[in-house]
Every structure is written in structure tokens, then in C-alpha cells.
Amino acid sequence: MSIPDILLGLVTIVTTIFLIYFIIKKYDFIYIFYTSFIASTILFCIRFFMMDFTAGRAFLKSFNPIIVLIIIIAIVILTQDFVKRRQ
């Protein structure tokens, strides 16, 4: 097993633990967003720089549709909150 594979596994395990913790403790949705985005970015960097994937392939493997959907929903919620606070 190579070092990039071990790093991918560690990032995935730590992210899963954080997500379960945030859901059990009922933290704000924004922490789930941050955790998912940061983990996907780290996975992208590992795949692109250490495993020599192309940028498109690394992006598609790192940012799966569920994470992209969570990011879009979080952006919509954050912009709605921002607009409400300004009014």
C-alpha cells in the first residue's frame, strides 16, 4: 500500500468521524459544509499532486455529486441569511 493510499484512507476516516460528531452534537450546518469541502480539497490535492491524476479526473473523484450538492445548498442558505441580515 502506497503513501497516497494511506493518506486517502486517513482523510476519509477523520472526515467521517467529524461528520458523525457534528451530526450527533447538532452543530450548525456550516461545520458539515466546512468539513466536507476541506476533505474534498485535500483528497483532490493528494490525487492530483501525489498520484498524478489529471485535474478533471482528480476533481471528479474528490468532489462527488453529494458533496457538490451540499456545497450548493450551503451557499444558497448562506446567501439567504446574508440578505436577511442586511435588511
N, C-alpha and C. Protein backbone atom coordinates (compact mmCIF):
# COMPACT_ATOMS: atom_id res chain seq x y z
N MET A 1 0.84 -1.18 0.00
CA MET A 1 0.00 0.00 0.00
C MET A 1 0.89 1.25 0.00
N SER A 2 0.60 2.16 -0.88
CA SER A 2 1.45 3.34 -1.02
C SER A 2 1.01 4.45 -0.06
N ILE A 3 1.88 5.43 0.09
CA ILE A 3 1.61 6.55 0.99
C ILE A 3 0.36 7.33 0.58
N PRO A 4 0.14 7.64 -0.71
CA PRO A 4 -1.09 8.35 -1.07
C PRO A 4 -2.36 7.57 -0.71
N ASP A 5 -2.32 6.26 -0.86
CA ASP A 5 -3.49 5.46 -0.48
C ASP A 5 -3.76 5.53 1.01
N ILE A 6 -2.71 5.49 1.80
CA ILE A 6 -2.85 5.60 3.25
C ILE A 6 -3.40 6.97 3.62
N LEU A 7 -2.88 8.02 2.98
CA LEU A 7 -3.39 9.37 3.25
C LEU A 7 -4.86 9.52 2.87
N LEU A 8 -5.25 8.94 1.74
CA LEU A 8 -6.66 8.98 1.33
C LEU A 8 -7.54 8.31 2.37
N GLY A 9 -7.10 7.17 2.87
CA GLY A 9 -7.86 6.46 3.90
C GLY A 9 -7.96 7.24 5.19
N LEU A 10 -6.85 7.83 5.61
CA LEU A 10 -6.86 8.62 6.85
C LEU A 10 -7.78 9.83 6.74
N VAL A 11 -7.70 10.56 5.62
CA VAL A 11 -8.56 11.73 5.44
C VAL A 11 -10.03 11.31 5.44
N THR A 12 -10.34 10.21 4.80
CA THR A 12 -11.73 9.74 4.76
C THR A 12 -12.22 9.34 6.14
N ILE A 13 -11.40 8.64 6.90
CA ILE A 13 -11.80 8.21 8.24
C ILE A 13 -12.00 9.42 9.16
N VAL A 14 -11.05 10.35 9.15
CA VAL A 14 -11.15 11.53 10.00
C VAL A 14 -12.37 12.37 9.62
N THR A 15 -12.62 12.51 8.34
CA THR A 15 -13.79 13.27 7.89
C THR A 15 -15.08 12.61 8.34
N THR A 16 -15.17 11.31 8.22
CA THR A 16 -16.36 10.59 8.66
C THR A 16 -16.59 10.76 10.15
N ILE A 17 -15.52 10.69 10.94
CA ILE A 17 -15.63 10.89 12.39
C ILE A 17 -16.13 12.29 12.69
N PHE A 18 -15.56 13.30 12.03
CA PHE A 18 -16.01 14.68 12.24
C PHE A 18 -17.47 14.85 11.87
N LEU A 19 -17.89 14.30 10.74
CA LEU A 19 -19.29 14.44 10.32
C LEU A 19 -20.24 13.78 11.31
N ILE A 20 -19.90 12.60 11.78
CA ILE A 20 -20.74 11.93 12.77
C ILE A 20 -20.79 12.74 14.06
N TYR A 21 -19.66 13.26 14.50
CA TYR A 21 -19.61 14.08 15.70
C TYR A 21 -20.47 15.33 15.56
N PHE A 22 -20.35 16.03 14.43
CA PHE A 22 -21.13 17.25 14.23
C PHE A 22 -22.63 16.96 14.16
N ILE A 23 -22.99 15.83 13.58
CA ILE A 23 -24.41 15.48 13.48
C ILE A 23 -24.96 15.09 14.86
N ILE A 24 -24.19 14.29 15.63
CA ILE A 24 -24.65 13.87 16.95
C ILE A 24 -24.78 15.06 17.90
N LYS A 25 -23.80 15.94 17.87
CA LYS A 25 -23.81 17.11 18.76
C LYS A 25 -24.71 18.25 18.26
N LYS A 26 -25.29 18.06 17.08
CA LYS A 26 -26.21 19.03 16.46
C LYS A 26 -25.58 20.41 16.32
N TYR A 27 -24.38 20.43 15.78
CA TYR A 27 -23.72 21.68 15.46
C TYR A 27 -24.37 22.30 14.23
N ASP A 28 -24.00 23.52 13.94
CA ASP A 28 -24.54 24.19 12.77
C ASP A 28 -24.17 23.45 11.50
N PHE A 29 -24.99 23.66 10.48
CA PHE A 29 -24.77 23.02 9.18
C PHE A 29 -23.46 23.48 8.55
N ILE A 30 -23.01 24.66 8.89
CA ILE A 30 -21.82 25.22 8.26
C ILE A 30 -20.59 24.38 8.59
N TYR A 31 -20.54 23.74 9.76
CA TYR A 31 -19.39 22.90 10.11
C TYR A 31 -19.34 21.66 9.23
N ILE A 32 -20.51 21.12 8.91
CA ILE A 32 -20.56 19.97 8.00
C ILE A 32 -20.07 20.39 6.62
N PHE A 33 -20.46 21.58 6.19
CA PHE A 33 -20.01 22.12 4.91
C PHE A 33 -18.49 22.28 4.90
N TYR A 34 -17.95 22.91 5.94
CA TYR A 34 -16.50 23.12 6.01
C TYR A 34 -15.75 21.79 5.99
N THR A 35 -16.21 20.84 6.78
CA THR A 35 -15.54 19.55 6.85
C THR A 35 -15.53 18.86 5.49
N SER A 36 -16.67 18.84 4.82
CA SER A 36 -16.77 18.18 3.52
C SER A 36 -15.90 18.88 2.48
N PHE A 37 -15.92 20.21 2.46
CA PHE A 37 -15.16 20.95 1.47
C PHE A 37 -13.66 20.80 1.69
N ILE A 38 -13.22 20.90 2.93
CA ILE A 38 -11.79 20.78 3.23
C ILE A 38 -11.29 19.37 2.91
N ALA A 39 -12.07 18.36 3.28
CA ALA A 39 -11.67 16.98 2.99
C ALA A 39 -11.60 16.74 1.49
N SER A 40 -12.57 17.23 0.75
CA SER A 40 -12.55 17.05 -0.70
C SER A 40 -11.36 17.77 -1.34
N THR A 41 -11.04 18.94 -0.83
CA THR A 41 -9.89 19.68 -1.35
C THR A 41 -8.59 18.92 -1.06
N ILE A 42 -8.47 18.37 0.14
CA ILE A 42 -7.27 17.60 0.47
C ILE A 42 -7.17 16.35 -0.41
N LEU A 43 -8.30 15.67 -0.61
CA LEU A 43 -8.31 14.49 -1.47
C LEU A 43 -7.92 14.86 -2.91
N PHE A 44 -8.42 16.01 -3.38
CA PHE A 44 -8.05 16.47 -4.72
C PHE A 44 -6.55 16.69 -4.82
N CYS A 45 -5.98 17.36 -3.83
CA CYS A 45 -4.54 17.65 -3.85
C CYS A 45 -3.72 16.36 -3.83
N ILE A 46 -4.13 15.40 -3.01
CA ILE A 46 -3.40 14.13 -2.95
C ILE A 46 -3.46 13.43 -4.30
N ARG A 47 -4.65 13.39 -4.88
CA ARG A 47 -4.79 12.68 -6.17
C ARG A 47 -4.06 13.41 -7.29
N PHE A 48 -4.11 14.74 -7.30
CA PHE A 48 -3.51 15.50 -8.39
C PHE A 48 -1.99 15.54 -8.27
N PHE A 49 -1.47 15.84 -7.08
CA PHE A 49 -0.03 16.03 -6.93
C PHE A 49 0.74 14.74 -6.64
N MET A 50 0.15 13.83 -5.86
CA MET A 50 0.89 12.65 -5.45
C MET A 50 0.60 11.42 -6.32
N MET A 51 -0.61 11.35 -6.88
CA MET A 51 -0.98 10.16 -7.65
C MET A 51 -0.99 10.43 -9.15
N ASP A 52 -0.67 11.65 -9.55
CA ASP A 52 -0.55 12.06 -10.96
C ASP A 52 -1.84 11.84 -11.76
N PHE A 53 -2.98 12.11 -11.14
CA PHE A 53 -4.24 12.11 -11.88
C PHE A 53 -4.32 13.41 -12.67
N THR A 54 -5.10 13.42 -13.74
CA THR A 54 -5.36 14.69 -14.42
C THR A 54 -6.26 15.52 -13.52
N ALA A 55 -6.29 16.82 -13.77
CA ALA A 55 -7.08 17.71 -12.91
C ALA A 55 -8.56 17.34 -12.94
N GLY A 56 -9.09 17.05 -14.12
CA GLY A 56 -10.51 16.70 -14.23
C GLY A 56 -10.84 15.40 -13.53
N ARG A 57 -10.00 14.40 -13.71
CA ARG A 57 -10.25 13.11 -13.07
C ARG A 57 -10.11 13.22 -11.55
N ALA A 58 -9.12 13.97 -11.08
CA ALA A 58 -8.95 14.16 -9.64
C ALA A 58 -10.13 14.90 -9.04
N PHE A 59 -10.63 15.91 -9.78
CA PHE A 59 -11.78 16.68 -9.29
C PHE A 59 -13.02 15.79 -9.20
N LEU A 60 -13.28 15.00 -10.25
CA LEU A 60 -14.46 14.15 -10.26
C LEU A 60 -14.40 13.06 -9.19
N LYS A 61 -13.22 12.56 -8.89
CA LYS A 61 -13.11 11.54 -7.85
C LYS A 61 -13.14 12.14 -6.45
N SER A 62 -12.71 13.38 -6.31
CA SER A 62 -12.65 14.00 -4.99
C SER A 62 -13.96 14.67 -4.60
N PHE A 63 -14.55 15.40 -5.52
CA PHE A 63 -15.79 16.11 -5.25
C PHE A 63 -16.94 15.32 -5.87
N ASN A 64 -17.48 14.37 -5.10
CA ASN A 64 -18.58 13.58 -5.63
C ASN A 64 -19.87 14.42 -5.66
N PRO A 65 -20.88 13.98 -6.36
CA PRO A 65 -22.11 14.78 -6.51
C PRO A 65 -22.77 15.16 -5.18
N ILE A 66 -22.67 14.31 -4.19
CA ILE A 66 -23.29 14.63 -2.90
C ILE A 66 -22.59 15.82 -2.26
N ILE A 67 -21.28 15.86 -2.30
CA ILE A 67 -20.53 16.98 -1.73
C ILE A 67 -20.84 18.26 -2.51
N VAL A 68 -20.89 18.17 -3.82
CA VAL A 68 -21.22 19.35 -4.64
C VAL A 68 -22.62 19.85 -4.29
N LEU A 69 -23.56 18.93 -4.09
CA LEU A 69 -24.91 19.31 -3.71
C LEU A 69 -24.93 19.99 -2.34
N ILE A 70 -24.18 19.46 -1.39
CA ILE A 70 -24.09 20.08 -0.06
C ILE A 70 -23.50 21.47 -0.16
N ILE A 71 -22.48 21.64 -0.98
CA ILE A 71 -21.85 22.95 -1.15
C ILE A 71 -22.83 23.94 -1.76
N ILE A 72 -23.59 23.52 -2.76
CA ILE A 72 -24.57 24.41 -3.39
C ILE A 72 -25.65 24.81 -2.40
N ILE A 73 -26.16 23.84 -1.64
CA ILE A 73 -27.19 24.14 -0.64
C ILE A 73 -26.65 25.09 0.41
N ALA A 74 -25.42 24.87 0.86
CA ALA A 74 -24.82 25.75 1.87
C ALA A 74 -24.66 27.16 1.34
N ILE A 75 -24.24 27.31 0.09
CA ILE A 75 -24.09 28.64 -0.50
C ILE A 75 -25.45 29.35 -0.56
N VAL A 76 -26.49 28.63 -0.94
CA VAL A 76 -27.83 29.23 -1.02
C VAL A 76 -28.28 29.66 0.37
N ILE A 77 -28.09 28.80 1.36
CA ILE A 77 -28.50 29.14 2.73
C ILE A 77 -27.72 30.34 3.25
N LEU A 78 -26.42 30.35 3.02
CA LEU A 78 -25.59 31.46 3.50
C LEU A 78 -25.95 32.78 2.83
N THR A 79 -26.23 32.75 1.53
CA THR A 79 -26.61 34.00 0.86
C THR A 79 -27.97 34.47 1.32
N GLN A 80 -28.90 33.56 1.58
CA GLN A 80 -30.20 33.97 2.09
C GLN A 80 -30.07 34.59 3.48
N ASP A 81 -29.25 34.00 4.33
CA ASP A 81 -29.01 34.57 5.65
C ASP A 81 -28.36 35.94 5.55
N PHE A 82 -27.43 36.09 4.64
CA PHE A 82 -26.74 37.37 4.46
C PHE A 82 -27.72 38.45 4.00
N VAL A 83 -28.61 38.09 3.07
CA VAL A 83 -29.60 39.05 2.57
C VAL A 83 -30.57 39.43 3.68
N LYS A 84 -30.99 38.48 4.48
CA LYS A 84 -31.92 38.77 5.60
C LYS A 84 -31.26 39.69 6.63
N ARG A 85 -30.00 39.49 6.91
CA ARG A 85 -29.31 40.33 7.89
C ARG A 85 -29.13 41.75 7.39
N ARG A 86 -28.95 41.92 6.09
CA ARG A 86 -28.76 43.26 5.55
C ARG A 86 -30.07 44.06 5.56
N GLN A 87 -31.20 43.35 5.52
CA GLN A 87 -32.50 44.05 5.51
C GLN A 87 -32.90 44.30 6.91
